[in-house]
Amino acid sequence: MKYILVILITMSAMGEEPKTIDMHIPQENREEYLKPAKTFKFSLPIPMVTLSSKTRCDPRLENEAPELNGVKT
């Protein structure tokens, strides 16, 4: 079974609504997913900006392509 590594990066400035970037990266198998999911780190040293990231592994649909989406939360 093939998988998609999903990375969610949420940023919010003081007094603003958070914004989330949603990335989908194809992986050939679960083992290929595990290393980047555990080691992914993202930092942006900007004062008064909060940044968080989450990763997860979803089963890949047939012919599903990589994606990068901005999502309002």
PDB file of N, CA and C in Angstrom:
ATOM      1  N   MET A   1       0.842  -1.182   0.000  1.00  0.00           N
ATOM      2  CA  MET A   1       0.000   0.000   0.000  1.00  0.00           C
ATOM      3  C   MET A   1       0.884   1.240   0.000  1.00  0.00           C
ATOM      4  N   LYS A   2       0.480   2.249  -0.741  1.00  0.00           N
ATOM      5  CA  LYS A   2       1.208   3.509  -0.791  1.00  0.00           C
ATOM      6  C   LYS A   2       0.553   4.512   0.161  1.00  0.00           C
ATOM      7  N   TYR A   3       1.353   5.476   0.598  1.00  0.00           N
ATOM      8  CA  TYR A   3       0.894   6.436   1.592  1.00  0.00           C
ATOM      9  C   TYR A   3       1.173   7.862   1.155  1.00  0.00           C
ATOM     10  N   ILE A   4       0.541   8.800   1.842  1.00  0.00           N
ATOM     11  CA  ILE A   4       0.779  10.226   1.669  1.00  0.00           C
ATOM     12  C   ILE A   4       1.227  10.768   3.023  1.00  0.00           C
ATOM     13  N   LEU A   5       2.391  11.421   3.040  1.00  0.00           N
ATOM     14  CA  LEU A   5       2.847  12.126   4.233  1.00  0.00           C
ATOM     15  C   LEU A   5       2.162  13.486   4.215  1.00  0.00           C
ATOM     16  N   VAL A   6       1.368  13.772   5.239  1.00  0.00           N
ATOM     17  CA  VAL A   6       0.654  15.043   5.336  1.00  0.00           C
ATOM     18  C   VAL A   6       1.354  15.891   6.388  1.00  0.00           C
ATOM     19  N   ILE A   7       1.760  17.095   5.995  1.00  0.00           N
ATOM     20  CA  ILE A   7       2.419  18.026   6.913  1.00  0.00           C
ATOM     21  C   ILE A   7       1.538  19.263   7.022  1.00  0.00           C
ATOM     22  N   LEU A   8       1.165  19.607   8.243  1.00  0.00           N
ATOM     23  CA  LEU A   8       0.353  20.794   8.510  1.00  0.00           C
ATOM     24  C   LEU A   8       1.212  21.788   9.286  1.00  0.00           C
ATOM     25  N   ILE A   9       1.374  22.986   8.740  1.00  0.00           N
ATOM     26  CA  ILE A   9       2.122  24.045   9.416  1.00  0.00           C
ATOM     27  C   ILE A   9       1.145  25.181   9.688  1.00  0.00           C
ATOM     28  N   THR A  10       0.971  25.508  10.963  1.00  0.00           N
ATOM     29  CA  THR A  10       0.034  26.560  11.361  1.00  0.00           C
ATOM     30  C   THR A  10       0.815  27.750  11.895  1.00  0.00           C
ATOM     31  N   MET A  11       0.488  28.929  11.366  1.00  0.00           N
ATOM     32  CA  MET A  11       1.137  30.171  11.789  1.00  0.00           C
ATOM     33  C   MET A  11       0.068  31.141  12.255  1.00  0.00           C
ATOM     34  N   SER A  12       0.371  31.867  13.313  1.00  0.00           N
ATOM     35  CA  SER A  12      -0.553  32.914  13.745  1.00  0.00           C
ATOM     36  C   SER A  12       0.241  34.070  14.352  1.00  0.00           C
ATOM     37  N   ALA A  13      -0.145  35.273  13.970  1.00  0.00           N
ATOM     38  CA  ALA A  13       0.444  36.479  14.533  1.00  0.00           C
ATOM     39  C   ALA A  13      -0.464  36.944  15.662  1.00  0.00           C
ATOM     40  N   MET A  14       0.090  37.671  16.584  1.00  0.00           N
ATOM     41  CA  MET A  14      -0.675  38.148  17.725  1.00  0.00           C
ATOM     42  C   MET A  14      -1.920  38.893  17.255  1.00  0.00           C
ATOM     43  N   GLY A  15      -3.092  38.468  17.725  1.00  0.00           N
ATOM     44  CA  GLY A  15      -4.349  39.128  17.399  1.00  0.00           C
ATOM     45  C   GLY A  15      -4.946  38.724  16.054  1.00  0.00           C
ATOM     46  N   GLU A  16      -4.325  37.800  15.328  1.00  0.00           N
ATOM     47  CA  GLU A  16      -4.812  37.365  14.015  1.00  0.00           C
ATOM     48  C   GLU A  16      -5.299  35.920  14.079  1.00  0.00           C
ATOM     49  N   GLU A  17      -6.159  35.557  13.128  1.00  0.00           N
ATOM     50  CA  GLU A  17      -6.612  34.176  13.015  1.00  0.00           C
ATOM     51  C   GLU A  17      -5.458  33.311  12.492  1.00  0.00           C
ATOM     52  N   PRO A  18      -5.329  32.080  12.982  1.00  0.00           N
ATOM     53  CA  PRO A  18      -4.265  31.202  12.489  1.00  0.00           C
ATOM     54  C   PRO A  18      -4.495  30.809  11.026  1.00  0.00           C
ATOM     55  N   LYS A  19      -3.402  30.619  10.305  1.00  0.00           N
ATOM     56  CA  LYS A  19      -3.420  30.154   8.921  1.00  0.00           C
ATOM     57  C   LYS A  19      -2.638  28.852   8.860  1.00  0.00           C
ATOM     58  N   THR A  20      -3.143  27.888   8.091  1.00  0.00           N
ATOM     59  CA  THR A  20      -2.498  26.588   7.994  1.00  0.00           C
ATOM     60  C   THR A  20      -2.109  26.291   6.557  1.00  0.00           C
ATOM     61  N   ILE A  21      -0.904  25.788   6.377  1.00  0.00           N
ATOM     62  CA  ILE A  21      -0.432  25.292   5.091  1.00  0.00           C
ATOM     63  C   ILE A  21      -0.467  23.774   5.174  1.00  0.00           C
ATOM     64  N   ASP A  22      -1.034  23.152   4.176  1.00  0.00           N
ATOM     65  CA  ASP A  22      -1.265  21.716   4.136  1.00  0.00           C
ATOM     66  C   ASP A  22      -0.479  21.138   2.961  1.00  0.00           C
ATOM     67  N   MET A  23       0.524  20.286   3.239  1.00  0.00           N
ATOM     68  CA  MET A  23       1.338  19.673   2.183  1.00  0.00           C
ATOM     69  C   MET A  23       1.111  18.169   2.162  1.00  0.00           C
ATOM     70  N   HIS A  24       0.953  17.597   0.973  1.00  0.00           N
ATOM     71  CA  HIS A  24       0.781  16.160   0.792  1.00  0.00           C
ATOM     72  C   HIS A  24       1.941  15.654  -0.052  1.00  0.00           C
ATOM     73  N   ILE A  25       2.749  14.747   0.503  1.00  0.00           N
ATOM     74  CA  ILE A  25       3.929  14.241  -0.180  1.00  0.00           C
ATOM     75  C   ILE A  25       3.807  12.721  -0.318  1.00  0.00           C
ATOM     76  N   PRO A  26       3.787  12.201  -1.549  1.00  0.00           N
ATOM     77  CA  PRO A  26       3.636  10.752  -1.747  1.00  0.00           C
ATOM     78  C   PRO A  26       4.806   9.967  -1.160  1.00  0.00           C
ATOM     79  N   GLN A  27       4.499   8.818  -0.584  1.00  0.00           N
ATOM     80  CA  GLN A  27       5.499   7.900  -0.056  1.00  0.00           C
ATOM     81  C   GLN A  27       5.162   6.504  -0.585  1.00  0.00           C
ATOM     82  N   GLU A  28       6.182   5.718  -0.867  1.00  0.00           N
ATOM     83  CA  GLU A  28       5.955   4.387  -1.436  1.00  0.00           C
ATOM     84  C   GLU A  28       5.446   3.373  -0.417  1.00  0.00           C
ATOM     85  N   ASN A  29       5.838   3.537   0.847  1.00  0.00           N
ATOM     86  CA  ASN A  29       5.398   2.595   1.879  1.00  0.00           C
ATOM     87  C   ASN A  29       5.460   3.268   3.244  1.00  0.00           C
ATOM     88  N   ARG A  30       4.959   2.585   4.255  1.00  0.00           N
ATOM     89  CA  ARG A  30       4.887   3.169   5.593  1.00  0.00           C
ATOM     90  C   ARG A  30       6.281   3.441   6.168  1.00  0.00           C
ATOM     91  N   GLU A  31       7.236   2.567   5.891  1.00  0.00           N
ATOM     92  CA  GLU A  31       8.590   2.761   6.400  1.00  0.00           C
ATOM     93  C   GLU A  31       9.214   4.039   5.820  1.00  0.00           C
ATOM     94  N   GLU A  32       8.966   4.307   4.542  1.00  0.00           N
ATOM     95  CA  GLU A  32       9.485   5.519   3.905  1.00  0.00           C
ATOM     96  C   GLU A  32       8.879   6.773   4.533  1.00  0.00           C
ATOM     97  N   TYR A  33       7.669   6.646   5.030  1.00  0.00           N
ATOM     98  CA  TYR A  33       6.976   7.772   5.675  1.00  0.00           C
ATOM     99  C   TYR A  33       7.542   8.077   7.065  1.00  0.00           C
ATOM    100  N   LEU A  34       7.904   7.040   7.812  1.00  0.00           N
ATOM    101  CA  LEU A  34       8.240   7.209   9.226  1.00  0.00           C
ATOM    102  C   LEU A  34       9.399   8.160   9.499  1.00  0.00           C
ATOM    103  N   LYS A  35      10.500   8.054   8.755  1.00  0.00           N
ATOM    104  CA  LYS A  35      11.658   8.907   9.042  1.00  0.00           C
ATOM    105  C   LYS A  35      11.350  10.390   8.853  1.00  0.00           C
ATOM    106  N   PRO A  36      10.816  10.838   7.697  1.00  0.00           N
ATOM    107  CA  PRO A  36      10.530  12.272   7.579  1.00  0.00           C
ATOM    108  C   PRO A  36       9.460  12.745   8.558  1.00  0.00           C
ATOM    109  N   ALA A  37       8.493  11.897   8.874  1.00  0.00           N
ATOM    110  CA  ALA A  37       7.437  12.293   9.816  1.00  0.00           C
ATOM    111  C   ALA A  37       8.011  12.553  11.204  1.00  0.00           C
ATOM    112  N   LYS A  38       8.994  11.749  11.611  1.00  0.00           N
ATOM    113  CA  LYS A  38       9.585  11.909  12.941  1.00  0.00           C
ATOM    114  C   LYS A  38      10.610  13.034  12.997  1.00  0.00           C
ATOM    115  N   THR A  39      11.265  13.331  11.877  1.00  0.00           N
ATOM    116  CA  THR A  39      12.354  14.297  11.898  1.00  0.00           C
ATOM    117  C   THR A  39      11.985  15.664  11.342  1.00  0.00           C
ATOM    118  N   PHE A  40      10.770  15.834  10.825  1.00  0.00           N
ATOM    119  CA  PHE A  40      10.378  17.106  10.234  1.00  0.00           C
ATOM    120  C   PHE A  40      10.323  18.191  11.302  1.00  0.00           C
ATOM    121  N   LYS A  41      11.061  19.264  11.078  1.00  0.00           N
ATOM    122  CA  LYS A  41      11.048  20.424  11.970  1.00  0.00           C
ATOM    123  C   LYS A  41      11.018  21.669  11.105  1.00  0.00           C
ATOM    124  N   PHE A  42      10.294  22.656  11.551  1.00  0.00           N
ATOM    125  CA  PHE A  42      10.182  23.904  10.808  1.00  0.00           C
ATOM    126  C   PHE A  42      10.204  25.035  11.813  1.00  0.00           C
ATOM    127  N   SER A  43      11.076  26.006  11.601  1.00  0.00           N
ATOM    128  CA  SER A  43      11.100  27.153  12.509  1.00  0.00           C
ATOM    129  C   SER A  43      11.190  28.432  11.694  1.00  0.00           C
ATOM    130  N   LEU A  44      10.615  29.471  12.241  1.00  0.00           N
ATOM    131  CA  LEU A  44      10.603  30.775  11.604  1.00  0.00           C
ATOM    132  C   LEU A  44      10.722  31.804  12.729  1.00  0.00           C
ATOM    133  N   PRO A  45      11.938  32.295  12.979  1.00  0.00           N
ATOM    134  CA  PRO A  45      12.160  33.170  14.135  1.00  0.00           C
ATOM    135  C   PRO A  45      11.662  34.601  13.903  1.00  0.00           C
ATOM    136  N   ILE A  46      10.363  34.781  13.997  1.00  0.00           N
ATOM    137  CA  ILE A  46       9.765  36.102  13.861  1.00  0.00           C
ATOM    138  C   ILE A  46       9.083  36.443  15.184  1.00  0.00           C
ATOM    139  N   PRO A  47       9.392  37.596  15.769  1.00  0.00           N
ATOM    140  CA  PRO A  47       8.762  37.970  17.040  1.00  0.00           C
ATOM    141  C   PRO A  47       7.243  38.028  16.918  1.00  0.00           C
ATOM    142  N   MET A  48       6.561  37.579  17.965  1.00  0.00           N
ATOM    143  CA  MET A  48       5.104  37.619  18.107  1.00  0.00           C
ATOM    144  C   MET A  48       4.374  36.783  17.051  1.00  0.00           C
ATOM    145  N   VAL A  49       5.043  35.773  16.501  1.00  0.00           N
ATOM    146  CA  VAL A  49       4.407  34.827  15.579  1.00  0.00           C
ATOM    147  C   VAL A  49       4.537  33.442  16.181  1.00  0.00           C
ATOM    148  N   THR A  50       3.414  32.737  16.276  1.00  0.00           N
ATOM    149  CA  THR A  50       3.405  31.378  16.794  1.00  0.00           C
ATOM    150  C   THR A  50       3.384  30.418  15.613  1.00  0.00           C
ATOM    151  N   LEU A  51       4.196  29.373  15.694  1.00  0.00           N
ATOM    152  CA  LEU A  51       4.309  28.409  14.619  1.00  0.00           C
ATOM    153  C   LEU A  51       4.221  27.007  15.209  1.00  0.00           C
ATOM    154  N   SER A  52       3.420  26.146  14.589  1.00  0.00           N
ATOM    155  CA  SER A  52       3.357  24.752  15.020  1.00  0.00           C
ATOM    156  C   SER A  52       3.269  23.868  13.783  1.00  0.00           C
ATOM    157  N   SER A  53       3.718  22.620  13.926  1.00  0.00           N
ATOM    158  CA  SER A  53       3.627  21.684  12.814  1.00  0.00           C
ATOM    159  C   SER A  53       3.168  20.325  13.325  1.00  0.00           C
ATOM    160  N   LYS A  54       2.457  19.609  12.461  1.00  0.00           N
ATOM    161  CA  LYS A  54       1.983  18.253  12.751  1.00  0.00           C
ATOM    162  C   LYS A  54       2.184  17.428  11.492  1.00  0.00           C
ATOM    163  N   THR A  55       2.454  16.147  11.670  1.00  0.00           N
ATOM    164  CA  THR A  55       2.547  15.238  10.533  1.00  0.00           C
ATOM    165  C   THR A  55       1.632  14.055  10.774  1.00  0.00           C
ATOM    166  N   ARG A  56       1.182  13.460   9.662  1.00  0.00           N
ATOM    167  CA  ARG A  56       0.401  12.226   9.767  1.00  0.00           C
ATOM    168  C   ARG A  56       0.571  11.460   8.467  1.00  0.00           C
ATOM    169  N   CYS A  57       0.192  10.201   8.495  1.00  0.00           N
ATOM    170  CA  CYS A  57       0.299   9.343   7.324  1.00  0.00           C
ATOM    171  C   CYS A  57      -1.104   8.879   6.943  1.00  0.00           C
ATOM    172  N   ASP A  58      -1.482   9.145   5.698  1.00  0.00           N
ATOM    173  CA  ASP A  58      -2.787   8.713   5.200  1.00  0.00           C
ATOM    174  C   ASP A  58      -2.579   7.725   4.066  1.00  0.00           C
ATOM    175  N   PRO A  59      -3.472   6.748   3.928  1.00  0.00           N
ATOM    176  CA  PRO A  59      -3.385   5.872   2.756  1.00  0.00           C
ATOM    177  C   PRO A  59      -3.533   6.714   1.486  1.00  0.00           C
ATOM    178  N   ARG A  60      -2.759   6.378   0.490  1.00  0.00           N
ATOM    179  CA  ARG A  60      -2.748   7.136  -0.760  1.00  0.00           C
ATOM    180  C   ARG A  60      -3.808   6.597  -1.712  1.00  0.00           C
ATOM    181  N   LEU A  61      -4.614   7.499  -2.247  1.00  0.00           N
ATOM    182  CA  LEU A  61      -5.599   7.109  -3.239  1.00  0.00           C
ATOM    183  C   LEU A  61      -4.886   6.865  -4.565  1.00  0.00           C
ATOM    184  N   GLU A  62      -5.455   6.040  -5.406  1.00  0.00           N
ATOM    185  CA  GLU A  62      -4.841   5.752  -6.694  1.00  0.00           C
ATOM    186  C   GLU A  62      -4.700   7.043  -7.510  1.00  0.00           C
ATOM    187  N   ASN A  63      -3.522   7.254  -8.068  1.00  0.00           N
ATOM    188  CA  ASN A  63      -3.201   8.432  -8.890  1.00  0.00           C
ATOM    189  C   ASN A  63      -3.253   9.760  -8.122  1.00  0.00           C
ATOM    190  N   GLU A  64      -3.159   9.733  -6.790  1.00  0.00           N
ATOM    191  CA  GLU A  64      -3.162  10.964  -6.005  1.00  0.00           C
ATOM    192  C   GLU A  64      -1.820  11.670  -6.173  1.00  0.00           C
ATOM    193  N   ALA A  65      -1.865  12.947  -6.489  1.00  0.00           N
ATOM    194  CA  ALA A  65      -0.655  13.734  -6.755  1.00  0.00           C
ATOM    195  C   ALA A  65      -0.266  14.546  -5.523  1.00  0.00           C
ATOM    196  N   PRO A  66       1.008  15.019  -5.458  1.00  0.00           N
ATOM    197  CA  PRO A  66       1.426  15.902  -4.371  1.00  0.00           C
ATOM    198  C   PRO A  66       0.595  17.183  -4.385  1.00  0.00           C
ATOM    199  N   GLU A  67       0.393  17.769  -3.208  1.00  0.00           N
ATOM    200  CA  GLU A  67      -0.405  19.000  -3.095  1.00  0.00           C
ATOM    201  C   GLU A  67       0.234  19.945  -2.099  1.00  0.00           C
ATOM    202  N   LEU A  68      -0.067  21.224  -2.267  1.00  0.00           N
ATOM    203  CA  LEU A  68       0.290  22.250  -1.308  1.00  0.00           C
ATOM    204  C   LEU A  68      -0.897  23.203  -1.254  1.00  0.00           C
ATOM    205  N   ASN A  69      -1.553  23.274  -0.102  1.00  0.00           N
ATOM    206  CA  ASN A  69      -2.763  24.073   0.040  1.00  0.00           C
ATOM    207  C   ASN A  69      -2.644  25.020   1.222  1.00  0.00           C
ATOM    208  N   GLY A  70      -3.220  26.192   1.081  1.00  0.00           N
ATOM    209  CA  GLY A  70      -3.395  27.085   2.208  1.00  0.00           C
ATOM    210  C   GLY A  70      -4.811  26.873   2.715  1.00  0.00           C
ATOM    211  N   VAL A  71      -4.950  26.697   4.021  1.00  0.00           N
ATOM    212  CA  VAL A  71      -6.251  26.402   4.597  1.00  0.00           C
ATOM    213  C   VAL A  71      -6.528  27.355   5.737  1.00  0.00           C
ATOM    214  N   LYS A  72      -7.709  27.974   5.754  1.00  0.00           N
ATOM    215  CA  LYS A  72      -8.088  28.820   6.890  1.00  0.00           C
ATOM    216  C   LYS A  72      -8.588  27.938   8.011  1.00  0.00           C
ATOM    217  N   THR A  73      -8.158  28.243   9.244  1.00  0.00           N
ATOM    218  CA  THR A  73      -8.631  27.469  10.400  1.00  0.00           C
ATOM    219  C   THR A  73      -9.278  28.379  11.406  1.00  0.00           C
TER     220      THR A  73
END
